[in-house]
Amino acid sequence: MDSNLYKKAYFLSRRGLQELDLVFTPFVEERFSELNQEDKVSFLELLDNNDVDLMDWIINEKPTPREFNNIVIQVKDYLKHERK
């Protein structure tokens, strides 16, 4: 099952917008397998949103819907530590 979730996450992480591809694809490659089951599902649900919303929540620091707070924090934490 985890293999299928990984494949789905990897496929959905390739958005076609360079800014989002540079965020989500490395996150999936390096962190997705370490997430607990709930966070994996939350990440997949996050990726079901449109690119404009994802840009706002991840890159533009706009408020995130409560149901995605935990996974967005993890993605942002990953970005913060990867850029140093």
PDB file of N, CA and C in Angstrom:
ATOM      1  N   MET A   1       0.830  -1.196   0.000  1.00  0.00           N
ATOM      2  CA  MET A   1       0.000   0.000   0.000  1.00  0.00           C
ATOM      3  C   MET A   1       0.873   1.258   0.000  1.00  0.00           C
ATOM      4  N   ASP A   2       1.914   1.289   0.834  1.00  0.00           N
ATOM      5  CA  ASP A   2       2.773   2.472   0.887  1.00  0.00           C
ATOM      6  C   ASP A   2       3.433   2.748  -0.454  1.00  0.00           C
ATOM      7  N   SER A   3       3.774   1.695  -1.178  1.00  0.00           N
ATOM      8  CA  SER A   3       4.379   1.865  -2.489  1.00  0.00           C
ATOM      9  C   SER A   3       3.405   2.580  -3.430  1.00  0.00           C
ATOM     10  N   ASN A   4       2.141   2.211  -3.361  1.00  0.00           N
ATOM     11  CA  ASN A   4       1.134   2.859  -4.199  1.00  0.00           C
ATOM     12  C   ASN A   4       0.938   4.319  -3.786  1.00  0.00           C
ATOM     13  N   LEU A   5       0.952   4.586  -2.483  1.00  0.00           N
ATOM     14  CA  LEU A   5       0.819   5.967  -2.009  1.00  0.00           C
ATOM     15  C   LEU A   5       2.002   6.810  -2.481  1.00  0.00           C
ATOM     16  N   TYR A   6       3.197   6.233  -2.408  1.00  0.00           N
ATOM     17  CA  TYR A   6       4.388   6.944  -2.864  1.00  0.00           C
ATOM     18  C   TYR A   6       4.272   7.279  -4.350  1.00  0.00           C
ATOM     19  N   LYS A   7       3.875   6.290  -5.142  1.00  0.00           N
ATOM     20  CA  LYS A   7       3.744   6.509  -6.584  1.00  0.00           C
ATOM     21  C   LYS A   7       2.712   7.585  -6.885  1.00  0.00           C
ATOM     22  N   LYS A   8       1.599   7.550  -6.171  1.00  0.00           N
ATOM     23  CA  LYS A   8       0.557   8.560  -6.371  1.00  0.00           C
ATOM     24  C   LYS A   8       1.067   9.942  -5.961  1.00  0.00           C
ATOM     25  N   ALA A   9       1.748  10.009  -4.818  1.00  0.00           N
ATOM     26  CA  ALA A   9       2.292  11.285  -4.340  1.00  0.00           C
ATOM     27  C   ALA A   9       3.314  11.832  -5.327  1.00  0.00           C
ATOM     28  N   TYR A  10       4.159  10.960  -5.842  1.00  0.00           N
ATOM     29  CA  TYR A  10       5.178  11.409  -6.792  1.00  0.00           C
ATOM     30  C   TYR A  10       4.524  11.938  -8.064  1.00  0.00           C
ATOM     31  N   PHE A  11       3.546  11.210  -8.563  1.00  0.00           N
ATOM     32  CA  PHE A  11       2.848  11.640  -9.771  1.00  0.00           C
ATOM     33  C   PHE A  11       2.161  12.989  -9.554  1.00  0.00           C
ATOM     34  N   LEU A  12       1.450  13.139  -8.440  1.00  0.00           N
ATOM     35  CA  LEU A  12       0.717  14.374  -8.157  1.00  0.00           C
ATOM     36  C   LEU A  12       1.639  15.537  -7.811  1.00  0.00           C
ATOM     37  N   SER A  13       2.856  15.241  -7.359  1.00  0.00           N
ATOM     38  CA  SER A  13       3.783  16.314  -6.984  1.00  0.00           C
ATOM     39  C   SER A  13       4.352  17.027  -8.196  1.00  0.00           C
ATOM     40  N   ARG A  14       4.252  16.408  -9.342  1.00  0.00           N
ATOM     41  CA  ARG A  14       4.753  17.024 -10.572  1.00  0.00           C
ATOM     42  C   ARG A  14       3.640  17.882 -11.151  1.00  0.00           C
ATOM     43  N   ARG A  15       3.649  19.142 -10.800  1.00  0.00           N
ATOM     44  CA  ARG A  15       2.540  20.048 -11.063  1.00  0.00           C
ATOM     45  C   ARG A  15       2.607  20.730 -12.423  1.00  0.00           C
ATOM     46  N   GLY A  16       3.786  20.916 -12.951  1.00  0.00           N
ATOM     47  CA  GLY A  16       3.927  21.664 -14.187  1.00  0.00           C
ATOM     48  C   GLY A  16       4.303  23.122 -13.959  1.00  0.00           C
ATOM     49  N   LEU A  17       4.211  23.566 -12.730  1.00  0.00           N
ATOM     50  CA  LEU A  17       4.704  24.895 -12.352  1.00  0.00           C
ATOM     51  C   LEU A  17       6.032  24.685 -11.648  1.00  0.00           C
ATOM     52  N   GLN A  18       7.068  25.304 -12.166  1.00  0.00           N
ATOM     53  CA  GLN A  18       8.404  25.070 -11.635  1.00  0.00           C
ATOM     54  C   GLN A  18       8.484  25.331 -10.137  1.00  0.00           C
ATOM     55  N   GLU A  19       7.837  26.397  -9.670  1.00  0.00           N
ATOM     56  CA  GLU A  19       7.911  26.738  -8.251  1.00  0.00           C
ATOM     57  C   GLU A  19       7.372  25.611  -7.384  1.00  0.00           C
ATOM     58  N   LEU A  20       6.262  25.017  -7.809  1.00  0.00           N
ATOM     59  CA  LEU A  20       5.679  23.927  -7.026  1.00  0.00           C
ATOM     60  C   LEU A  20       6.439  22.625  -7.226  1.00  0.00           C
ATOM     61  N   ASP A  21       6.917  22.386  -8.435  1.00  0.00           N
ATOM     62  CA  ASP A  21       7.713  21.176  -8.687  1.00  0.00           C
ATOM     63  C   ASP A  21       8.966  21.156  -7.811  1.00  0.00           C
ATOM     64  N   LEU A  22       9.576  22.325  -7.625  1.00  0.00           N
ATOM     65  CA  LEU A  22      10.788  22.413  -6.812  1.00  0.00           C
ATOM     66  C   LEU A  22      10.513  22.227  -5.324  1.00  0.00           C
ATOM     67  N   VAL A  23       9.250  22.331  -4.934  1.00  0.00           N
ATOM     68  CA  VAL A  23       8.859  22.115  -3.545  1.00  0.00           C
ATOM     69  C   VAL A  23       8.421  20.673  -3.335  1.00  0.00           C
ATOM     70  N   PHE A  24       7.433  20.254  -4.094  1.00  0.00           N
ATOM     71  CA  PHE A  24       6.767  18.986  -3.812  1.00  0.00           C
ATOM     72  C   PHE A  24       7.545  17.745  -4.240  1.00  0.00           C
ATOM     73  N   THR A  25       8.169  17.771  -5.397  1.00  0.00           N
ATOM     74  CA  THR A  25       8.871  16.567  -5.852  1.00  0.00           C
ATOM     75  C   THR A  25      10.017  16.180  -4.913  1.00  0.00           C
ATOM     76  N   PRO A  26      10.887  17.104  -4.524  1.00  0.00           N
ATOM     77  CA  PRO A  26      11.933  16.717  -3.565  1.00  0.00           C
ATOM     78  C   PRO A  26      11.357  16.289  -2.210  1.00  0.00           C
ATOM     79  N   PHE A  27      10.273  16.931  -1.775  1.00  0.00           N
ATOM     80  CA  PHE A  27       9.638  16.541  -0.511  1.00  0.00           C
ATOM     81  C   PHE A  27       9.188  15.091  -0.586  1.00  0.00           C
ATOM     82  N   VAL A  28       8.557  14.723  -1.687  1.00  0.00           N
ATOM     83  CA  VAL A  28       8.113  13.333  -1.848  1.00  0.00           C
ATOM     84  C   VAL A  28       9.315  12.396  -1.871  1.00  0.00           C
ATOM     85  N   GLU A  29      10.330  12.734  -2.629  1.00  0.00           N
ATOM     86  CA  GLU A  29      11.502  11.865  -2.755  1.00  0.00           C
ATOM     87  C   GLU A  29      12.239  11.674  -1.437  1.00  0.00           C
ATOM     88  N   GLU A  30      12.295  12.713  -0.618  1.00  0.00           N
ATOM     89  CA  GLU A  30      13.116  12.652   0.590  1.00  0.00           C
ATOM     90  C   GLU A  30      12.347  12.448   1.889  1.00  0.00           C
ATOM     91  N   ARG A  31      11.076  12.829   1.927  1.00  0.00           N
ATOM     92  CA  ARG A  31      10.361  12.788   3.211  1.00  0.00           C
ATOM     93  C   ARG A  31       9.081  11.967   3.235  1.00  0.00           C
ATOM     94  N   PHE A  32       8.467  11.737   2.077  1.00  0.00           N
ATOM     95  CA  PHE A  32       7.153  11.110   2.070  1.00  0.00           C
ATOM     96  C   PHE A  32       7.144   9.767   2.796  1.00  0.00           C
ATOM     97  N   SER A  33       8.144   8.946   2.560  1.00  0.00           N
ATOM     98  CA  SER A  33       8.162   7.614   3.176  1.00  0.00           C
ATOM     99  C   SER A  33       8.285   7.673   4.694  1.00  0.00           C
ATOM    100  N   GLU A  34       8.773   8.791   5.237  1.00  0.00           N
ATOM    101  CA  GLU A  34       8.917   8.944   6.688  1.00  0.00           C
ATOM    102  C   GLU A  34       7.628   9.419   7.364  1.00  0.00           C
ATOM    103  N   LEU A  35       6.664   9.898   6.588  1.00  0.00           N
ATOM    104  CA  LEU A  35       5.413  10.402   7.156  1.00  0.00           C
ATOM    105  C   LEU A  35       4.575   9.259   7.720  1.00  0.00           C
ATOM    106  N   ASN A  36       3.786   9.566   8.746  1.00  0.00           N
ATOM    107  CA  ASN A  36       2.850   8.548   9.218  1.00  0.00           C
ATOM    108  C   ASN A  36       1.688   8.473   8.226  1.00  0.00           C
ATOM    109  N   GLN A  37       0.867   7.471   8.377  1.00  0.00           N
ATOM    110  CA  GLN A  37      -0.212   7.217   7.419  1.00  0.00           C
ATOM    111  C   GLN A  37      -1.166   8.419   7.292  1.00  0.00           C
ATOM    112  N   GLU A  38      -1.506   9.020   8.405  1.00  0.00           N
ATOM    113  CA  GLU A  38      -2.411  10.174   8.399  1.00  0.00           C
ATOM    114  C   GLU A  38      -1.814  11.337   7.612  1.00  0.00           C
ATOM    115  N   ASP A  39      -0.528  11.583   7.797  1.00  0.00           N
ATOM    116  CA  ASP A  39       0.128  12.672   7.075  1.00  0.00           C
ATOM    117  C   ASP A  39       0.276  12.364   5.584  1.00  0.00           C
ATOM    118  N   LYS A  40       0.477  11.103   5.257  1.00  0.00           N
ATOM    119  CA  LYS A  40       0.538  10.731   3.844  1.00  0.00           C
ATOM    120  C   LYS A  40      -0.786  11.021   3.154  1.00  0.00           C
ATOM    121  N   VAL A  41      -1.864  10.646   3.794  1.00  0.00           N
ATOM    122  CA  VAL A  41      -3.196  10.901   3.238  1.00  0.00           C
ATOM    123  C   VAL A  41      -3.446  12.403   3.153  1.00  0.00           C
ATOM    124  N   SER A  42      -3.060  13.131   4.180  1.00  0.00           N
ATOM    125  CA  SER A  42      -3.229  14.581   4.190  1.00  0.00           C
ATOM    126  C   SER A  42      -2.435  15.230   3.059  1.00  0.00           C
ATOM    127  N   PHE A  43      -1.235  14.748   2.815  1.00  0.00           N
ATOM    128  CA  PHE A  43      -0.417  15.281   1.729  1.00  0.00           C
ATOM    129  C   PHE A  43      -1.084  15.044   0.380  1.00  0.00           C
ATOM    130  N   LEU A  44      -1.615  13.851   0.180  1.00  0.00           N
ATOM    131  CA  LEU A  44      -2.311  13.551  -1.068  1.00  0.00           C
ATOM    132  C   LEU A  44      -3.540  14.437  -1.232  1.00  0.00           C
ATOM    133  N   GLU A  45      -4.257  14.667  -0.152  1.00  0.00           N
ATOM    134  CA  GLU A  45      -5.418  15.553  -0.207  1.00  0.00           C
ATOM    135  C   GLU A  45      -4.993  16.998  -0.494  1.00  0.00           C
ATOM    136  N   LEU A  46      -3.865  17.401   0.075  1.00  0.00           N
ATOM    137  CA  LEU A  46      -3.325  18.733  -0.201  1.00  0.00           C
ATOM    138  C   LEU A  46      -3.058  18.896  -1.688  1.00  0.00           C
ATOM    139  N   LEU A  47      -2.472  17.881  -2.303  1.00  0.00           N
ATOM    140  CA  LEU A  47      -2.121  17.949  -3.718  1.00  0.00           C
ATOM    141  C   LEU A  47      -3.340  17.952  -4.630  1.00  0.00           C
ATOM    142  N   ASP A  48      -4.511  17.634  -4.087  1.00  0.00           N
ATOM    143  CA  ASP A  48      -5.751  17.698  -4.873  1.00  0.00           C
ATOM    144  C   ASP A  48      -6.230  19.128  -5.078  1.00  0.00           C
ATOM    145  N   ASN A  49      -5.608  20.070  -4.402  1.00  0.00           N
ATOM    146  CA  ASN A  49      -6.002  21.477  -4.529  1.00  0.00           C
ATOM    147  C   ASN A  49      -5.377  22.100  -5.766  1.00  0.00           C
ATOM    148  N   ASN A  50      -5.930  23.245  -6.166  1.00  0.00           N
ATOM    149  CA  ASN A  50      -5.409  23.882  -7.374  1.00  0.00           C
ATOM    150  C   ASN A  50      -4.071  24.571  -7.081  1.00  0.00           C
ATOM    151  N   ASP A  51      -3.330  24.797  -8.136  1.00  0.00           N
ATOM    152  CA  ASP A  51      -1.973  25.339  -8.014  1.00  0.00           C
ATOM    153  C   ASP A  51      -1.936  26.731  -7.380  1.00  0.00           C
ATOM    154  N   VAL A  52      -2.933  27.556  -7.671  1.00  0.00           N
ATOM    155  CA  VAL A  52      -2.962  28.909  -7.110  1.00  0.00           C
ATOM    156  C   VAL A  52      -3.045  28.833  -5.588  1.00  0.00           C
ATOM    157  N   ASP A  53      -3.921  27.979  -5.075  1.00  0.00           N
ATOM    158  CA  ASP A  53      -4.035  27.822  -3.622  1.00  0.00           C
ATOM    159  C   ASP A  53      -2.755  27.258  -3.028  1.00  0.00           C
ATOM    160  N   LEU A  54      -2.177  26.271  -3.680  1.00  0.00           N
ATOM    161  CA  LEU A  54      -0.934  25.687  -3.174  1.00  0.00           C
ATOM    162  C   LEU A  54       0.187  26.722  -3.131  1.00  0.00           C
ATOM    163  N   MET A  55       0.274  27.544  -4.160  1.00  0.00           N
ATOM    164  CA  MET A  55       1.280  28.617  -4.171  1.00  0.00           C
ATOM    165  C   MET A  55       1.048  29.567  -3.000  1.00  0.00           C
ATOM    166  N   ASP A  56      -0.219  29.930  -2.784  1.00  0.00           N
ATOM    167  CA  ASP A  56      -0.532  30.839  -1.687  1.00  0.00           C
ATOM    168  C   ASP A  56      -0.141  30.242  -0.342  1.00  0.00           C
ATOM    169  N   TRP A  57      -0.481  28.999  -0.111  1.00  0.00           N
ATOM    170  CA  TRP A  57      -0.250  28.376   1.195  1.00  0.00           C
ATOM    171  C   TRP A  57       1.218  28.059   1.451  1.00  0.00           C
ATOM    172  N   ILE A  58       1.914  27.588   0.442  1.00  0.00           N
ATOM    173  CA  ILE A  58       3.299  27.125   0.631  1.00  0.00           C
ATOM    174  C   ILE A  58       4.307  28.252   0.422  1.00  0.00           C
ATOM    175  N   ILE A  59       4.136  29.014  -0.615  1.00  0.00           N
ATOM    176  CA  ILE A  59       5.153  29.988  -1.003  1.00  0.00           C
ATOM    177  C   ILE A  59       4.808  31.406  -0.555  1.00  0.00           C
ATOM    178  N   ASN A  60       3.556  31.794  -0.701  1.00  0.00           N
ATOM    179  CA  ASN A  60       3.155  33.175  -0.410  1.00  0.00           C
ATOM    180  C   ASN A  60       2.723  33.395   1.034  1.00  0.00           C
ATOM    181  N   GLU A  61       2.812  32.356   1.859  1.00  0.00           N
ATOM    182  CA  GLU A  61       2.538  32.470   3.301  1.00  0.00           C
ATOM    183  C   GLU A  61       1.114  32.924   3.625  1.00  0.00           C
ATOM    184  N   LYS A  62       0.159  32.627   2.766  1.00  0.00           N
ATOM    185  CA  LYS A  62      -1.236  32.944   3.061  1.00  0.00           C
ATOM    186  C   LYS A  62      -1.779  31.875   4.009  1.00  0.00           C
ATOM    187  N   PRO A  63      -2.835  32.206   4.762  1.00  0.00           N
ATOM    188  CA  PRO A  63      -3.385  31.238   5.724  1.00  0.00           C
ATOM    189  C   PRO A  63      -3.794  29.925   5.047  1.00  0.00           C
ATOM    190  N   THR A  64      -3.470  28.856   5.717  1.00  0.00           N
ATOM    191  CA  THR A  64      -3.754  27.507   5.234  1.00  0.00           C
ATOM    192  C   THR A  64      -5.038  27.001   5.881  1.00  0.00           C
ATOM    193  N   PRO A  65      -5.885  26.308   5.135  1.00  0.00           N
ATOM    194  CA  PRO A  65      -7.048  25.688   5.779  1.00  0.00           C
ATOM    195  C   PRO A  65      -6.601  24.763   6.915  1.00  0.00           C
ATOM    196  N   ARG A  66      -7.355  24.760   7.964  1.00  0.00           N
ATOM    197  CA  ARG A  66      -6.984  24.032   9.180  1.00  0.00           C
ATOM    198  C   ARG A  66      -6.635  22.570   8.917  1.00  0.00           C
ATOM    199  N   GLU A  67      -7.375  21.922   8.019  1.00  0.00           N
ATOM    200  CA  GLU A  67      -7.134  20.495   7.786  1.00  0.00           C
ATOM    201  C   GLU A  67      -5.767  20.217   7.163  1.00  0.00           C
ATOM    202  N   PHE A  68      -5.118  21.254   6.615  1.00  0.00           N
ATOM    203  CA  PHE A  68      -3.802  21.075   6.009  1.00  0.00           C
ATOM    204  C   PHE A  68      -2.672  21.696   6.824  1.00  0.00           C
ATOM    205  N   ASN A  69      -2.975  22.281   7.953  1.00  0.00           N
ATOM    206  CA  ASN A  69      -1.943  22.964   8.743  1.00  0.00           C
ATOM    207  C   ASN A  69      -0.745  22.070   9.034  1.00  0.00           C
ATOM    208  N   ASN A  70      -0.989  20.873   9.514  1.00  0.00           N
ATOM    209  CA  ASN A  70       0.107  19.990   9.921  1.00  0.00           C
ATOM    210  C   ASN A  70       1.021  19.636   8.750  1.00  0.00           C
ATOM    211  N   ILE A  71       0.452  19.238   7.631  1.00  0.00           N
ATOM    212  CA  ILE A  71       1.292  18.828   6.509  1.00  0.00           C
ATOM    213  C   ILE A  71       1.983  20.026   5.870  1.00  0.00           C
ATOM    214  N   VAL A  72       1.325  21.178   5.809  1.00  0.00           N
ATOM    215  CA  VAL A  72       1.960  22.377   5.251  1.00  0.00           C
ATOM    216  C   VAL A  72       3.131  22.803   6.131  1.00  0.00           C
ATOM    217  N   ILE A  73       2.976  22.709   7.429  1.00  0.00           N
ATOM    218  CA  ILE A  73       4.091  23.016   8.343  1.00  0.00           C
ATOM    219  C   ILE A  73       5.267  22.099   8.061  1.00  0.00           C
ATOM    220  N   GLN A  74       4.999  20.824   7.829  1.00  0.00           N
ATOM    221  CA  GLN A  74       6.084  19.876   7.538  1.00  0.00           C
ATOM    222  C   GLN A  74       6.774  20.198   6.215  1.00  0.00           C
ATOM    223  N   VAL A  75       5.991  20.567   5.211  1.00  0.00           N
ATOM    224  CA  VAL A  75       6.587  20.929   3.912  1.00  0.00           C
ATOM    225  C   VAL A  75       7.440  22.185   4.063  1.00  0.00           C
ATOM    226  N   LYS A  76       6.917  23.185   4.759  1.00  0.00           N
ATOM    227  CA  LYS A  76       7.679  24.424   4.971  1.00  0.00           C
ATOM    228  C   LYS A  76       8.937  24.175   5.789  1.00  0.00           C
ATOM    229  N   ASP A  77       8.838  23.313   6.781  1.00  0.00           N
ATOM    230  CA  ASP A  77      10.015  22.965   7.588  1.00  0.00           C
ATOM    231  C   ASP A  77      11.061  22.293   6.712  1.00  0.00           C
ATOM    232  N   TYR A  78      10.632  21.406   5.846  1.00  0.00           N
ATOM    233  CA  TYR A  78      11.541  20.758   4.912  1.00  0.00           C
ATOM    234  C   TYR A  78      12.238  21.812   4.040  1.00  0.00           C
ATOM    235  N   LEU A  79      11.457  22.755   3.502  1.00  0.00           N
ATOM    236  CA  LEU A  79      12.033  23.802   2.661  1.00  0.00           C
ATOM    237  C   LEU A  79      13.052  24.648   3.407  1.00  0.00           C
ATOM    238  N   LYS A  80      12.716  24.998   4.638  1.00  0.00           N
ATOM    239  CA  LYS A  80      13.596  25.839   5.439  1.00  0.00           C
ATOM    240  C   LYS A  80      14.945  25.145   5.673  1.00  0.00           C
ATOM    241  N   HIS A  81      14.905  23.873   5.969  1.00  0.00           N
ATOM    242  CA  HIS A  81      16.140  23.141   6.251  1.00  0.00           C
ATOM    243  C   HIS A  81      16.911  22.751   5.000  1.00  0.00           C
ATOM    244  N   GLU A  82      16.224  22.609   3.897  1.00  0.00           N
ATOM    245  CA  GLU A  82      16.893  22.257   2.649  1.00  0.00           C
ATOM    246  C   GLU A  82      17.601  23.448   2.029  1.00  0.00           C
ATOM    247  N   ARG A  83      17.127  24.636   2.285  1.00  0.00           N
ATOM    248  CA  ARG A  83      17.707  25.833   1.658  1.00  0.00           C
ATOM    249  C   ARG A  83      18.921  26.354   2.400  1.00  0.00           C
ATOM    250  N   LYS A  84      19.196  25.830   3.559  1.00  0.00           N
ATOM    251  CA  LYS A  84      20.358  26.321   4.327  1.00  0.00           C
ATOM    252  C   LYS A  84      21.610  25.641   3.895  1.00  0.00           C
TER     253      LYS A  84
END
